[in-house]
Amino acid sequence: MFMKTNSLSLFADLLLPSIKNTYDAIRRLPQLPGAYFHPWRRESVRRLAALKDAYRGQRAFILGNGPSLRHTDLHRLHNEFTFGLNRIYLLFPELGFSTSFLVSVNDLVIEQCAHEIAALSIPKFISWRAHRHFRHLPMSERPIFLYTTYTGPRFARDARGRLWEGATVTNVALQLAFHMGFQQVILVGVDHNFVSKGAANQTVVSDGDDPNHFSPHYFGKGFRWQLPDLETSEIGYRLARQAYEAAGRQVLDATIGGKLTIFPKVDYDSLF
């Protein structure tokens, strides 16, 4: 009886992941033709090919959008390679410079801010799902479109294929930085802590100033956004740490007062 129970348990352990992976793959089917064969995506793949390992051996900073940015001397990043996320551009006038790249994959953010994102004159990486919002742009000004998905946890070492979002654009940026060859990636402003509470991924509408980001106007009154899924984010972060360390690379967390515990901590000021 004991052996039979163990056999059933082993069978379930082997079968359930296979069923889940198949289900995940079926959910992604509607995106597949365009994600691989649309001319805009083919052009994006060509541009991503040119970026493969283009920054080998360099370091880069990924800027989250947490309140801790207000306690971080970001002017020190003027001559660094930087990945900005979502609405980080609200800080650009104050900083006097732009991030090297912008990454945005959340449908609600892009839908409500596409015109602002389109106006940025820096390389932009945008989810393929949102390509319709940029159809008015000439080819030379279009973002690089990434095939990102909600399902099928993985860390992609090559950004030309599918990227798992891991419930946060930060995980996509980590995969892009790996693709581009950065040796050391440092997180700043990834507070991993939200004042707003509720069911993960639930869509809500802000009823006032935003307490969760560096600006009260980030997701200000009337903005539709999704509550964080910190547990899923951590799954992605663990996959990222494993991938970087296996390749002899490193992800460090220099967020001031951040609650994330996946990556080794480093004092921000010590980096300069």
Protein backbone atom coordinates (compact mmCIF):
# COMPACT_ATOMS: atom_id res chain seq x y z
CA MET A 1 0.00 0.00 0.00
CA PHE A 2 2.87 2.34 0.91
CA MET A 3 4.66 1.64 -2.37
CA LYS A 4 1.43 2.14 -4.32
CA THR A 5 0.85 5.52 -2.63
CA ASN A 6 4.42 6.60 -3.38
CA SER A 7 4.04 5.55 -7.00
CA LEU A 8 0.85 7.57 -7.37
CA SER A 9 2.52 10.58 -5.77
CA LEU A 10 5.51 10.29 -8.10
CA PHE A 11 3.19 9.93 -11.08
CA ALA A 12 1.32 13.08 -10.05
CA ASP A 13 4.58 14.98 -9.54
CA LEU A 14 5.63 14.11 -13.08
CA LEU A 15 2.25 14.52 -14.77
CA LEU A 16 0.98 17.77 -13.26
CA PRO A 17 3.84 19.97 -14.52
CA SER A 18 3.39 18.47 -17.99
CA ILE A 19 -0.34 19.28 -17.95
CA LYS A 20 0.34 22.80 -16.73
CA ASN A 21 2.98 23.41 -19.40
CA THR A 22 0.59 22.19 -22.09
CA TYR A 23 -2.17 24.46 -20.77
CA ASP A 24 0.23 27.39 -20.68
CA ALA A 25 1.27 26.73 -24.26
CA ILE A 26 -2.36 26.59 -25.43
CA ARG A 27 -3.07 29.95 -23.77
CA ARG A 28 -0.20 31.48 -25.74
CA LEU A 29 -1.39 30.19 -29.13
CA PRO A 30 -3.35 33.33 -30.17
CA GLN A 31 -0.17 35.43 -29.96
CA LEU A 32 2.13 33.08 -31.80
CA PRO A 33 1.68 33.95 -35.50
CA GLY A 34 2.30 37.67 -35.07
CA ALA A 35 4.88 37.22 -32.33
CA TYR A 36 7.10 35.29 -34.73
CA PHE A 37 6.09 36.26 -38.27
CA HIS A 38 4.72 39.83 -38.29
CA PRO A 39 7.11 42.19 -40.16
CA TRP A 40 7.42 44.47 -37.13
CA ARG A 41 8.40 41.56 -34.93
CA ARG A 42 10.85 40.27 -37.54
CA GLU A 43 12.45 43.70 -37.57
CA SER A 44 12.55 43.66 -33.75
CA VAL A 45 14.26 40.26 -33.81
CA ARG A 46 16.90 41.65 -36.17
CA ARG A 47 17.49 44.59 -33.85
CA LEU A 48 17.71 42.27 -30.84
CA ALA A 49 20.25 40.15 -32.72
CA ALA A 50 22.46 43.23 -33.08
CA LEU A 51 22.21 43.79 -29.30
CA LYS A 52 23.18 40.23 -28.35
CA ASP A 53 26.23 40.53 -26.07
CA ALA A 54 26.82 44.08 -27.34
CA TYR A 55 27.61 45.22 -23.78
CA ARG A 56 29.64 42.21 -22.69
CA GLY A 57 31.60 42.87 -19.51
CA GLN A 58 29.84 46.17 -18.72
CA ARG A 59 27.62 46.99 -15.75
CA ALA A 60 24.09 48.35 -15.85
CA PHE A 61 21.56 49.70 -13.40
CA ILE A 62 17.88 48.78 -13.48
CA LEU A 63 15.78 51.56 -12.00
CA GLY A 64 12.59 50.45 -10.30
CA ASN A 65 10.02 53.09 -9.50
CA GLY A 66 9.73 52.80 -5.74
CA PRO A 67 9.65 55.72 -3.27
CA SER A 68 13.26 54.92 -2.33
CA LEU A 69 14.38 56.66 -5.52
CA ARG A 70 13.69 59.90 -3.66
CA HIS A 71 16.45 58.93 -1.22
CA THR A 72 18.90 57.86 -3.93
CA ASP A 73 21.38 60.19 -5.65
CA LEU A 74 20.42 59.27 -9.19
CA HIS A 75 22.65 61.96 -10.69
CA ARG A 76 25.51 59.50 -10.15
CA LEU A 77 24.00 57.37 -12.92
CA HIS A 78 24.41 60.02 -15.61
CA ASN A 79 27.28 58.16 -17.32
CA GLU A 80 26.10 54.63 -16.49
CA PHE A 81 24.06 52.24 -18.61
CA THR A 82 20.54 52.34 -17.19
CA PHE A 83 17.26 50.54 -17.80
CA GLY A 84 14.24 52.67 -16.92
CA LEU A 85 10.90 51.00 -16.34
CA ASN A 86 7.37 52.10 -17.20
CA ARG A 87 6.89 55.78 -16.21
CA ILE A 88 10.45 56.46 -15.02
CA TYR A 89 10.48 59.24 -17.63
CA LEU A 90 8.53 61.43 -15.18
CA LEU A 91 11.91 61.90 -13.47
CA PHE A 92 13.86 62.87 -16.60
CA PRO A 93 13.27 66.65 -16.41
CA GLU A 94 14.41 66.71 -12.80
CA LEU A 95 17.45 64.52 -13.48
CA GLY A 96 18.55 66.36 -16.58
CA PHE A 97 19.19 63.11 -18.44
CA SER A 98 17.32 60.05 -19.68
CA THR A 99 17.90 56.40 -18.95
CA SER A 100 19.77 54.47 -21.65
CA PHE A 101 16.73 52.28 -22.35
CA LEU A 102 13.05 52.10 -21.42
CA VAL A 103 11.18 48.84 -20.83
CA SER A 104 7.40 48.55 -20.48
CA VAL A 105 5.24 45.46 -20.86
CA ASN A 106 2.14 46.03 -18.72
CA ASP A 107 -0.96 46.40 -20.88
CA LEU A 108 -2.63 49.03 -18.70
CA VAL A 109 0.47 51.18 -18.40
CA ILE A 110 1.12 51.15 -22.14
CA GLU A 111 -2.54 51.71 -23.05
CA GLN A 112 -2.73 54.85 -20.89
CA CYS A 113 0.77 56.18 -21.55
CA ALA A 114 1.53 55.12 -25.14
CA HIS A 115 1.70 58.70 -26.41
CA GLU A 116 4.22 59.64 -23.71
CA ILE A 117 6.32 56.54 -24.35
CA ALA A 118 6.24 57.09 -28.12
CA ALA A 119 7.60 60.61 -27.66
CA LEU A 120 10.76 59.40 -25.90
CA SER A 121 13.91 59.54 -28.01
CA ILE A 122 15.64 56.58 -26.36
CA PRO A 123 15.60 52.87 -27.29
CA LYS A 124 12.29 51.40 -26.09
CA PHE A 125 11.40 47.76 -25.45
CA ILE A 126 7.65 47.17 -25.48
CA SER A 127 5.45 44.07 -25.26
CA TRP A 128 4.30 42.82 -28.67
CA ARG A 129 0.72 42.75 -27.34
CA ALA A 130 0.77 46.55 -27.36
CA HIS A 131 2.16 47.11 -30.86
CA ARG A 132 -1.13 48.62 -32.09
CA HIS A 133 -0.51 51.71 -29.94
CA PHE A 134 2.62 52.53 -31.97
CA ARG A 135 1.40 51.91 -35.50
CA HIS A 136 1.53 55.65 -36.27
CA LEU A 137 5.30 55.81 -35.77
CA PRO A 138 7.72 55.51 -38.69
CA MET A 139 9.87 52.38 -38.70
CA SER A 140 12.92 54.23 -37.41
CA GLU A 141 11.05 55.41 -34.31
CA ARG A 142 9.18 52.22 -33.42
CA PRO A 143 10.06 50.39 -30.21
CA ILE A 144 11.68 46.99 -30.19
CA PHE A 145 8.74 44.66 -29.65
CA LEU A 146 9.27 41.78 -27.22
CA TYR A 147 7.24 38.59 -27.15
CA THR A 148 6.35 38.56 -23.45
CA THR A 149 3.85 36.26 -21.74
CA TYR A 150 2.19 35.79 -18.37
CA THR A 151 2.53 32.00 -18.37
CA GLY A 152 5.30 29.41 -18.42
CA PRO A 153 7.91 30.47 -15.82
CA ARG A 154 11.41 30.62 -17.29
CA PHE A 155 14.41 32.89 -17.62
CA ALA A 156 15.30 33.61 -21.23
CA ARG A 157 18.99 34.07 -21.98
CA ASP A 158 18.13 35.22 -25.49
CA ALA A 159 15.48 37.96 -25.81
CA ARG A 160 14.65 37.14 -29.41
CA GLY A 161 12.27 34.42 -28.26
CA ARG A 162 9.65 34.34 -25.53
CA LEU A 163 10.18 36.24 -22.29
CA TRP A 164 8.21 35.39 -19.15
CA GLU A 165 7.12 38.58 -17.42
CA GLY A 166 7.25 37.16 -13.90
CA ALA A 167 4.62 39.65 -12.71
CA THR A 168 6.96 42.62 -13.00
CA VAL A 169 8.71 44.52 -15.75
CA THR A 170 11.88 44.25 -13.66
CA ASN A 171 12.11 40.57 -14.56
CA VAL A 172 11.89 41.43 -18.26
CA ALA A 173 14.65 44.02 -17.84
CA LEU A 174 16.85 41.40 -16.14
CA GLN A 175 16.41 39.10 -19.14
CA LEU A 176 17.18 41.93 -21.56
CA ALA A 177 20.32 42.89 -19.64
CA PHE A 178 21.48 39.26 -19.78
CA HIS A 179 20.79 39.13 -23.52
CA MET A 180 22.82 42.30 -24.03
CA GLY A 181 25.79 40.81 -22.18
CA PHE A 182 25.98 42.94 -19.05
CA GLN A 183 28.31 41.34 -16.52
CA GLN A 184 26.91 43.06 -13.44
CA VAL A 185 23.36 44.34 -13.03
CA ILE A 186 22.40 46.49 -10.06
CA LEU A 187 18.84 47.09 -8.90
CA VAL A 188 17.92 50.53 -7.60
CA GLY A 189 14.47 51.63 -6.48
CA VAL A 190 13.08 48.08 -6.46
CA ASP A 191 11.39 48.52 -3.09
CA HIS A 192 9.34 45.30 -3.36
CA ASN A 193 6.87 46.84 -0.93
CA PHE A 194 3.46 48.38 -1.61
CA VAL A 195 1.19 50.38 0.67
CA SER A 196 -1.84 49.39 -1.42
CA LYS A 197 -3.13 45.92 -0.52
CA GLY A 198 -5.49 43.50 -2.23
CA ALA A 199 -5.64 40.43 -4.43
CA ALA A 200 -2.59 39.98 -6.65
CA ASN A 201 -3.06 41.26 -10.23
CA GLN A 202 -6.46 42.80 -9.43
CA THR A 203 -7.16 45.88 -11.55
CA VAL A 204 -7.94 48.96 -9.46
CA VAL A 205 -8.41 52.66 -10.13
CA SER A 206 -6.39 55.16 -8.11
CA ASP A 207 -8.54 57.53 -6.10
CA GLY A 208 -5.78 59.97 -5.21
CA ASP A 209 -2.03 60.44 -4.99
CA ASP A 210 0.15 57.37 -5.53
CA PRO A 211 1.98 56.26 -2.34
CA ASN A 212 3.69 53.28 -3.98
CA HIS A 213 6.04 55.02 -6.42
CA PHE A 214 8.55 57.88 -6.55
CA SER A 215 5.91 60.38 -7.66
CA PRO A 216 2.36 60.94 -6.38
CA HIS A 217 1.42 61.35 -10.06
CA TYR A 218 2.91 58.01 -11.15
CA PHE A 219 -0.42 56.16 -10.87
CA GLY A 220 -2.37 59.27 -9.93
CA LYS A 221 -6.10 59.76 -9.53
CA GLY A 222 -8.10 57.91 -12.18
CA PHE A 223 -5.20 55.73 -13.36
CA ARG A 224 -6.03 52.04 -13.83
CA TRP A 225 -3.35 49.66 -12.60
CA GLN A 226 -2.88 46.15 -11.24
CA LEU A 227 -2.04 45.32 -7.65
CA PRO A 228 1.38 43.63 -7.31
CA ASP A 229 2.00 39.91 -7.28
CA LEU A 230 5.14 39.84 -5.15
CA GLU A 231 5.18 36.06 -4.79
CA THR A 232 5.31 35.48 -8.55
CA SER A 233 7.85 38.28 -8.91
CA GLU A 234 10.13 36.44 -6.49
CA ILE A 235 9.90 33.27 -8.59
CA GLY A 236 11.23 35.30 -11.51
CA TYR A 237 13.95 36.90 -9.40
CA ARG A 238 15.18 33.51 -8.22
CA LEU A 239 15.35 32.28 -11.81
CA ALA A 240 17.31 35.41 -12.73
CA ARG A 241 19.79 34.95 -9.90
CA GLN A 242 20.37 31.33 -10.91
CA ALA A 243 20.90 32.24 -14.57
CA TYR A 244 23.32 35.07 -13.85
CA GLU A 245 25.36 33.08 -11.34
CA ALA A 246 25.53 30.06 -13.66
CA ALA A 247 27.00 32.34 -16.32
CA GLY A 248 29.54 33.85 -13.92
CA ARG A 249 27.62 37.12 -13.77
CA GLN A 250 25.97 38.98 -10.91
CA VAL A 251 22.81 40.78 -9.89
CA LEU A 252 23.11 43.08 -6.87
CA ASP A 253 20.42 44.99 -4.99
CA ALA A 254 21.37 48.56 -4.05
CA THR A 255 17.82 49.67 -3.25
CA ILE A 256 17.82 51.87 -0.17
CA GLY A 257 15.55 50.24 2.42
CA GLY A 258 14.21 47.70 -0.07
CA LYS A 259 12.34 44.60 1.12
CA LEU A 260 13.56 42.23 -1.60
CA THR A 261 15.81 39.48 -0.20
CA ILE A 262 16.62 37.43 -3.33
CA PHE A 263 19.80 39.20 -4.45
CA PRO A 264 22.95 40.12 -2.52
CA LYS A 265 22.69 43.59 -1.00
CA VAL A 266 25.23 46.31 -1.70
CA ASP A 267 25.55 49.88 -0.41
CA TYR A 268 24.62 52.25 -3.25
CA ASP A 269 27.31 54.83 -2.43
CA SER A 270 30.03 52.15 -2.42
CA LEU A 271 29.45 51.52 -6.13
CA PHE A 272 31.05 54.79 -7.21
